[in-house]
């Protein structure tokens, strides 16, 4: 049986109105087609938009699909979105976000120890913007709140999962050096050290 033309149109419409990436399984359910067909249609649309030099693309992020602006026009989109707003993250916020992203779950104290400064305000800002969230509690004394990145963080970076974060590689010292640094930075009596390497 031939697939109705409106399935493709409906898929485009769903991707257009979606506020966040939509899982292929949900799209398949809504369109009443197989998940594999959704994946195939998204690939076809992505290629069609690319060859037509459209200002938007089909993007896979945070485990789902959405329409996003094409990378080639990002400067114009950024200018539009940020016009009159102070939406850019400060260097301190970017550093803190990177620490949370690579070391999560991580406590406020661990982030502060790595950065060498108080991070309460920066963590609050990152939470308000939806980039990080409380993901649990440390089982040790005091049961410190642990932070991790959100689906919104993945979406903003266009990543499907945390596995897609670029490797730190040569930019960080090895686990032994990190452990030595953390031991030196750990307050006296802290019996619950952080993991020895980014995870």
C-alpha atoms as a PDB file:
ATOM      1  CA  UNK A   1       0.000   0.000   0.000  1.00  0.00           C
ATOM      2  CA  UNK A   2       1.324   3.437  -0.930  1.00  0.00           C
ATOM      3  CA  UNK A   3       1.968   5.818   1.915  1.00  0.00           C
ATOM      4  CA  UNK A   4      -0.316   8.882   1.883  1.00  0.00           C
ATOM      5  CA  UNK A   5       1.362  12.146   0.868  1.00  0.00           C
ATOM      6  CA  UNK A   6       0.050  13.804   4.024  1.00  0.00           C
ATOM      7  CA  UNK A   7       2.307  11.631   6.229  1.00  0.00           C
ATOM      8  CA  UNK A   8       5.346  13.515   4.953  1.00  0.00           C
ATOM      9  CA  UNK A   9       3.523  16.841   5.275  1.00  0.00           C
ATOM     10  CA  UNK A  10       2.323  15.954   8.764  1.00  0.00           C
ATOM     11  CA  UNK A  11       5.880  15.073   9.796  1.00  0.00           C
ATOM     12  CA  UNK A  12       7.120  18.474   8.606  1.00  0.00           C
ATOM     13  CA  UNK A  13       4.289  20.192  10.463  1.00  0.00           C
ATOM     14  CA  UNK A  14       5.050  18.326  13.700  1.00  0.00           C
ATOM     15  CA  UNK A  15       8.746  19.177  13.472  1.00  0.00           C
ATOM     16  CA  UNK A  16       7.843  22.806  12.815  1.00  0.00           C
ATOM     17  CA  UNK A  17       5.585  23.258  15.849  1.00  0.00           C
ATOM     18  CA  UNK A  18       7.612  21.117  18.289  1.00  0.00           C
ATOM     19  CA  UNK A  19       9.219  23.178  21.050  1.00  0.00           C
ATOM     20  CA  UNK A  20      11.807  20.476  21.727  1.00  0.00           C
ATOM     21  CA  UNK A  21      13.128  17.450  19.827  1.00  0.00           C
ATOM     22  CA  UNK A  22      10.450  14.779  19.341  1.00  0.00           C
ATOM     23  CA  UNK A  23      11.386  11.128  19.785  1.00  0.00           C
ATOM     24  CA  UNK A  24      11.015   9.060  16.583  1.00  0.00           C
ATOM     25  CA  UNK A  25       8.810   6.579  18.458  1.00  0.00           C
ATOM     26  CA  UNK A  26       6.324   9.339  19.330  1.00  0.00           C
ATOM     27  CA  UNK A  27       6.367  10.648  15.753  1.00  0.00           C
ATOM     28  CA  UNK A  28       5.711   7.114  14.505  1.00  0.00           C
ATOM     29  CA  UNK A  29       2.779   6.748  16.887  1.00  0.00           C
ATOM     30  CA  UNK A  30       1.282  10.105  15.855  1.00  0.00           C
ATOM     31  CA  UNK A  31       1.738   9.409  12.139  1.00  0.00           C
ATOM     32  CA  UNK A  32       0.689   5.766  12.426  1.00  0.00           C
ATOM     33  CA  UNK A  33       3.782   4.497  10.617  1.00  0.00           C
ATOM     34  CA  UNK A  34       6.809   2.426  11.659  1.00  0.00           C
ATOM     35  CA  UNK A  35       9.623   4.114  13.569  1.00  0.00           C
ATOM     36  CA  UNK A  36      12.002   3.081  10.773  1.00  0.00           C
ATOM     37  CA  UNK A  37       9.828   5.008   8.306  1.00  0.00           C
ATOM     38  CA  UNK A  38      10.022   8.124  10.474  1.00  0.00           C
ATOM     39  CA  UNK A  39      13.825   7.827  10.555  1.00  0.00           C
ATOM     40  CA  UNK A  40      13.849   7.408   6.772  1.00  0.00           C
ATOM     41  CA  UNK A  41      11.517  10.374   6.173  1.00  0.00           C
ATOM     42  CA  UNK A  42      13.601  12.602   8.468  1.00  0.00           C
ATOM     43  CA  UNK A  43      16.727  11.628   6.511  1.00  0.00           C
ATOM     44  CA  UNK A  44      14.950  12.403   3.214  1.00  0.00           C
ATOM     45  CA  UNK A  45      13.777  15.805   4.472  1.00  0.00           C
ATOM     46  CA  UNK A  46      17.251  16.609   5.809  1.00  0.00           C
ATOM     47  CA  UNK A  47      18.824  15.839   2.424  1.00  0.00           C
ATOM     48  CA  UNK A  48      16.135  17.783   0.544  1.00  0.00           C
ATOM     49  CA  UNK A  49      16.643  20.885   2.710  1.00  0.00           C
ATOM     50  CA  UNK A  50      20.423  20.602   2.325  1.00  0.00           C
ATOM     51  CA  UNK A  51      20.331  20.371  -1.461  1.00  0.00           C
ATOM     52  CA  UNK A  52      17.865  23.269  -1.692  1.00  0.00           C
ATOM     53  CA  UNK A  53      20.075  25.504   0.494  1.00  0.00           C
ATOM     54  CA  UNK A  54      17.232  26.160   2.926  1.00  0.00           C
ATOM     55  CA  UNK A  55      17.682  28.320   6.020  1.00  0.00           C
ATOM     56  CA  UNK A  56      16.676  25.414   8.222  1.00  0.00           C
ATOM     57  CA  UNK A  57      17.652  21.781   8.702  1.00  0.00           C
ATOM     58  CA  UNK A  58      16.250  18.628  10.263  1.00  0.00           C
ATOM     59  CA  UNK A  59      18.351  18.256  13.373  1.00  0.00           C
ATOM     60  CA  UNK A  60      18.727  15.210  15.623  1.00  0.00           C
ATOM     61  CA  UNK A  61      19.282  16.281  19.224  1.00  0.00           C
ATOM     62  CA  UNK A  62      18.494  14.937  22.705  1.00  0.00           C
ATOM     63  CA  UNK A  63      17.181  11.661  21.233  1.00  0.00           C
ATOM     64  CA  UNK A  64      14.663  13.242  18.872  1.00  0.00           C
ATOM     65  CA  UNK A  65      14.124  15.339  15.759  1.00  0.00           C
ATOM     66  CA  UNK A  66      13.329  19.013  15.299  1.00  0.00           C
ATOM     67  CA  UNK A  67      13.684  21.755  12.733  1.00  0.00           C
ATOM     68  CA  UNK A  68      16.578  24.096  13.455  1.00  0.00           C
ATOM     69  CA  UNK A  69      18.218  27.017  11.726  1.00  0.00           C
ATOM     70  CA  UNK A  70      20.977  26.088   9.297  1.00  0.00           C
ATOM     71  CA  UNK A  71      24.502  26.537  10.708  1.00  0.00           C
ATOM     72  CA  UNK A  72      25.400  28.858   7.798  1.00  0.00           C
ATOM     73  CA  UNK A  73      22.897  31.475   8.986  1.00  0.00           C
ATOM     74  CA  UNK A  74      23.591  31.214  12.708  1.00  0.00           C
ATOM     75  CA  UNK A  75      25.078  34.715  12.902  1.00  0.00           C
ATOM     76  CA  UNK A  76      21.794  36.239  11.673  1.00  0.00           C
ATOM     77  CA  UNK A  77      19.681  34.105  13.986  1.00  0.00           C
ATOM     78  CA  UNK A  78      21.901  34.900  16.962  1.00  0.00           C
ATOM     79  CA  UNK A  79      21.665  38.618  16.184  1.00  0.00           C
ATOM     80  CA  UNK A  80      17.865  38.356  16.073  1.00  0.00           C
ATOM     81  CA  UNK A  81      17.540  36.268  19.249  1.00  0.00           C
ATOM     82  CA  UNK A  82      20.018  38.276  21.290  1.00  0.00           C
ATOM     83  CA  UNK A  83      18.987  41.730  20.070  1.00  0.00           C
ATOM     84  CA  UNK A  84      18.578  43.868  23.175  1.00  0.00           C
ATOM     85  CA  UNK A  85      19.116  40.926  25.516  1.00  0.00           C
ATOM     86  CA  UNK A  86      22.013  39.966  27.720  1.00  0.00           C
ATOM     87  CA  UNK A  87      21.461  36.285  27.072  1.00  0.00           C
ATOM     88  CA  UNK A  88      25.092  35.305  26.607  1.00  0.00           C
ATOM     89  CA  UNK A  89      26.664  33.242  29.352  1.00  0.00           C
ATOM     90  CA  UNK A  90      29.658  34.748  31.123  1.00  0.00           C
ATOM     91  CA  UNK A  91      33.050  33.055  31.011  1.00  0.00           C
ATOM     92  CA  UNK A  92      32.489  31.939  34.622  1.00  0.00           C
ATOM     93  CA  UNK A  93      29.140  30.382  33.698  1.00  0.00           C
ATOM     94  CA  UNK A  94      30.643  28.600  30.673  1.00  0.00           C
ATOM     95  CA  UNK A  95      33.497  27.214  32.808  1.00  0.00           C
ATOM     96  CA  UNK A  96      31.046  26.020  35.443  1.00  0.00           C
ATOM     97  CA  UNK A  97      28.770  24.462  32.824  1.00  0.00           C
ATOM     98  CA  UNK A  98      31.733  22.613  31.298  1.00  0.00           C
ATOM     99  CA  UNK A  99      32.700  21.234  34.717  1.00  0.00           C
ATOM    100  CA  UNK A 100      29.146  20.002  35.349  1.00  0.00           C
ATOM    101  CA  UNK A 101      28.890  18.534  31.839  1.00  0.00           C
ATOM    102  CA  UNK A 102      32.100  16.515  32.037  1.00  0.00           C
ATOM    103  CA  UNK A 103      32.083  15.583  35.729  1.00  0.00           C
ATOM    104  CA  UNK A 104      28.392  15.026  36.484  1.00  0.00           C
ATOM    105  CA  UNK A 105      26.882  14.239  38.870  1.00  0.00           C
ATOM    106  CA  UNK A 106      28.836  16.859  40.783  1.00  0.00           C
ATOM    107  CA  UNK A 107      28.231  18.831  43.981  1.00  0.00           C
ATOM    108  CA  UNK A 108      28.447  22.585  44.464  1.00  0.00           C
ATOM    109  CA  UNK A 109      31.512  22.015  46.665  1.00  0.00           C
ATOM    110  CA  UNK A 110      33.296  19.978  43.995  1.00  0.00           C
ATOM    111  CA  UNK A 111      32.640  22.640  41.335  1.00  0.00           C
ATOM    112  CA  UNK A 112      33.854  25.364  43.719  1.00  0.00           C
ATOM    113  CA  UNK A 113      37.006  23.357  44.500  1.00  0.00           C
ATOM    114  CA  UNK A 114      37.805  22.950  40.807  1.00  0.00           C
ATOM    115  CA  UNK A 115      37.099  26.603  39.942  1.00  0.00           C
ATOM    116  CA  UNK A 116      38.673  27.962  43.117  1.00  0.00           C
ATOM    117  CA  UNK A 117      35.806  30.429  43.722  1.00  0.00           C
ATOM    118  CA  UNK A 118      32.258  30.387  45.093  1.00  0.00           C
ATOM    119  CA  UNK A 119      29.810  29.161  42.456  1.00  0.00           C
ATOM    120  CA  UNK A 120      26.379  29.592  44.078  1.00  0.00           C
ATOM    121  CA  UNK A 121      25.283  32.479  41.843  1.00  0.00           C
ATOM    122  CA  UNK A 122      26.584  30.865  38.661  1.00  0.00           C
ATOM    123  CA  UNK A 123      24.891  27.538  39.416  1.00  0.00           C
ATOM    124  CA  UNK A 124      21.639  29.399  40.135  1.00  0.00           C
ATOM    125  CA  UNK A 125      21.886  31.181  36.760  1.00  0.00           C
ATOM    126  CA  UNK A 126      22.551  27.896  34.930  1.00  0.00           C
ATOM    127  CA  UNK A 127      19.546  26.321  36.668  1.00  0.00           C
ATOM    128  CA  UNK A 128      17.294  29.267  35.790  1.00  0.00           C
ATOM    129  CA  UNK A 129      18.304  28.985  32.149  1.00  0.00           C
ATOM    130  CA  UNK A 130      17.535  25.265  32.186  1.00  0.00           C
ATOM    131  CA  UNK A 131      21.076  24.083  31.410  1.00  0.00           C
ATOM    132  CA  UNK A 132      21.580  22.155  34.672  1.00  0.00           C
ATOM    133  CA  UNK A 133      19.293  20.605  37.298  1.00  0.00           C
ATOM    134  CA  UNK A 134      19.492  18.784  40.606  1.00  0.00           C
ATOM    135  CA  UNK A 135      19.918  15.097  39.781  1.00  0.00           C
ATOM    136  CA  UNK A 136      20.342  13.571  43.220  1.00  0.00           C
ATOM    137  CA  UNK A 137      21.991  13.719  46.608  1.00  0.00           C
ATOM    138  CA  UNK A 138      25.444  12.611  47.713  1.00  0.00           C
ATOM    139  CA  UNK A 139      24.985   9.638  50.074  1.00  0.00           C
ATOM    140  CA  UNK A 140      27.731  10.981  52.367  1.00  0.00           C
ATOM    141  CA  UNK A 141      27.438  13.299  55.353  1.00  0.00           C
ATOM    142  CA  UNK A 142      25.441  16.413  54.602  1.00  0.00           C
ATOM    143  CA  UNK A 143      23.883  14.778  51.522  1.00  0.00           C
ATOM    144  CA  UNK A 144      25.040  17.530  49.181  1.00  0.00           C
ATOM    145  CA  UNK A 145      22.885  18.266  46.142  1.00  0.00           C
ATOM    146  CA  UNK A 146      24.350  16.810  42.939  1.00  0.00           C
ATOM    147  CA  UNK A 147      23.992  18.636  39.634  1.00  0.00           C
ATOM    148  CA  UNK A 148      23.883  17.374  36.060  1.00  0.00           C
ATOM    149  CA  UNK A 149      23.068  18.768  32.640  1.00  0.00           C
ATOM    150  CA  UNK A 150      19.557  18.733  31.204  1.00  0.00           C
ATOM    151  CA  UNK A 151      17.905  17.701  27.968  1.00  0.00           C
ATOM    152  CA  UNK A 152      17.751  21.423  27.225  1.00  0.00           C
ATOM    153  CA  UNK A 153      21.568  21.553  27.433  1.00  0.00           C
ATOM    154  CA  UNK A 154      21.863  18.741  24.866  1.00  0.00           C
ATOM    155  CA  UNK A 155      19.339  20.467  22.638  1.00  0.00           C
ATOM    156  CA  UNK A 156      21.149  23.818  22.814  1.00  0.00           C
ATOM    157  CA  UNK A 157      24.413  22.168  21.762  1.00  0.00           C
ATOM    158  CA  UNK A 158      22.758  19.981  19.138  1.00  0.00           C
ATOM    159  CA  UNK A 159      23.939  16.789  20.851  1.00  0.00           C
ATOM    160  CA  UNK A 160      22.009  13.535  20.852  1.00  0.00           C
ATOM    161  CA  UNK A 161      23.550  12.369  24.149  1.00  0.00           C
ATOM    162  CA  UNK A 162      26.403  13.161  26.541  1.00  0.00           C
ATOM    163  CA  UNK A 163      28.470  10.584  24.643  1.00  0.00           C
ATOM    164  CA  UNK A 164      28.629  13.166  21.824  1.00  0.00           C
ATOM    165  CA  UNK A 165      30.536  15.690  23.965  1.00  0.00           C
ATOM    166  CA  UNK A 166      33.977  16.227  22.452  1.00  0.00           C
ATOM    167  CA  UNK A 167      36.671  14.296  24.335  1.00  0.00           C
ATOM    168  CA  UNK A 168      38.823  16.343  26.671  1.00  0.00           C
ATOM    169  CA  UNK A 169      41.906  14.397  25.605  1.00  0.00           C
ATOM    170  CA  UNK A 170      45.055  16.467  25.863  1.00  0.00           C
ATOM    171  CA  UNK A 171      43.277  19.407  27.493  1.00  0.00           C
ATOM    172  CA  UNK A 172      43.126  17.879  30.959  1.00  0.00           C
ATOM    173  CA  UNK A 173      45.685  16.121  33.135  1.00  0.00           C
ATOM    174  CA  UNK A 174      45.474  12.366  33.584  1.00  0.00           C
ATOM    175  CA  UNK A 175      43.455  10.696  36.375  1.00  0.00           C
ATOM    176  CA  UNK A 176      46.461  10.484  38.707  1.00  0.00           C
ATOM    177  CA  UNK A 177      47.098  14.236  38.438  1.00  0.00           C
ATOM    178  CA  UNK A 178      43.402  15.020  38.922  1.00  0.00           C
ATOM    179  CA  UNK A 179      43.311  12.817  42.028  1.00  0.00           C
ATOM    180  CA  UNK A 180      46.401  14.556  43.404  1.00  0.00           C
ATOM    181  CA  UNK A 181      44.831  17.968  42.739  1.00  0.00           C
ATOM    182  CA  UNK A 182      41.535  16.970  44.328  1.00  0.00           C
ATOM    183  CA  UNK A 183      43.338  15.534  47.362  1.00  0.00           C
ATOM    184  CA  UNK A 184      45.166  18.833  47.750  1.00  0.00           C
ATOM    185  CA  UNK A 185      41.951  20.836  47.368  1.00  0.00           C
ATOM    186  CA  UNK A 186      39.799  18.617  49.593  1.00  0.00           C
ATOM    187  CA  UNK A 187      38.879  20.200  52.944  1.00  0.00           C
ATOM    188  CA  UNK A 188      40.173  18.379  56.009  1.00  0.00           C
ATOM    189  CA  UNK A 189      37.781  15.661  57.114  1.00  0.00           C
ATOM    190  CA  UNK A 190      36.113  15.228  53.704  1.00  0.00           C
ATOM    191  CA  UNK A 191      35.859  11.451  53.411  1.00  0.00           C
ATOM    192  CA  UNK A 192      33.831  11.469  50.199  1.00  0.00           C
ATOM    193  CA  UNK A 193      36.161  12.545  47.390  1.00  0.00           C
ATOM    194  CA  UNK A 194      34.875  13.245  43.921  1.00  0.00           C
ATOM    195  CA  UNK A 195      35.503  10.724  41.141  1.00  0.00           C
ATOM    196  CA  UNK A 196      39.116  10.867  39.964  1.00  0.00           C
ATOM    197  CA  UNK A 197      38.306  11.621  36.328  1.00  0.00           C
ATOM    198  CA  UNK A 198      35.591  13.186  34.185  1.00  0.00           C
ATOM    199  CA  UNK A 199      32.728  10.841  33.669  1.00  0.00           C
END
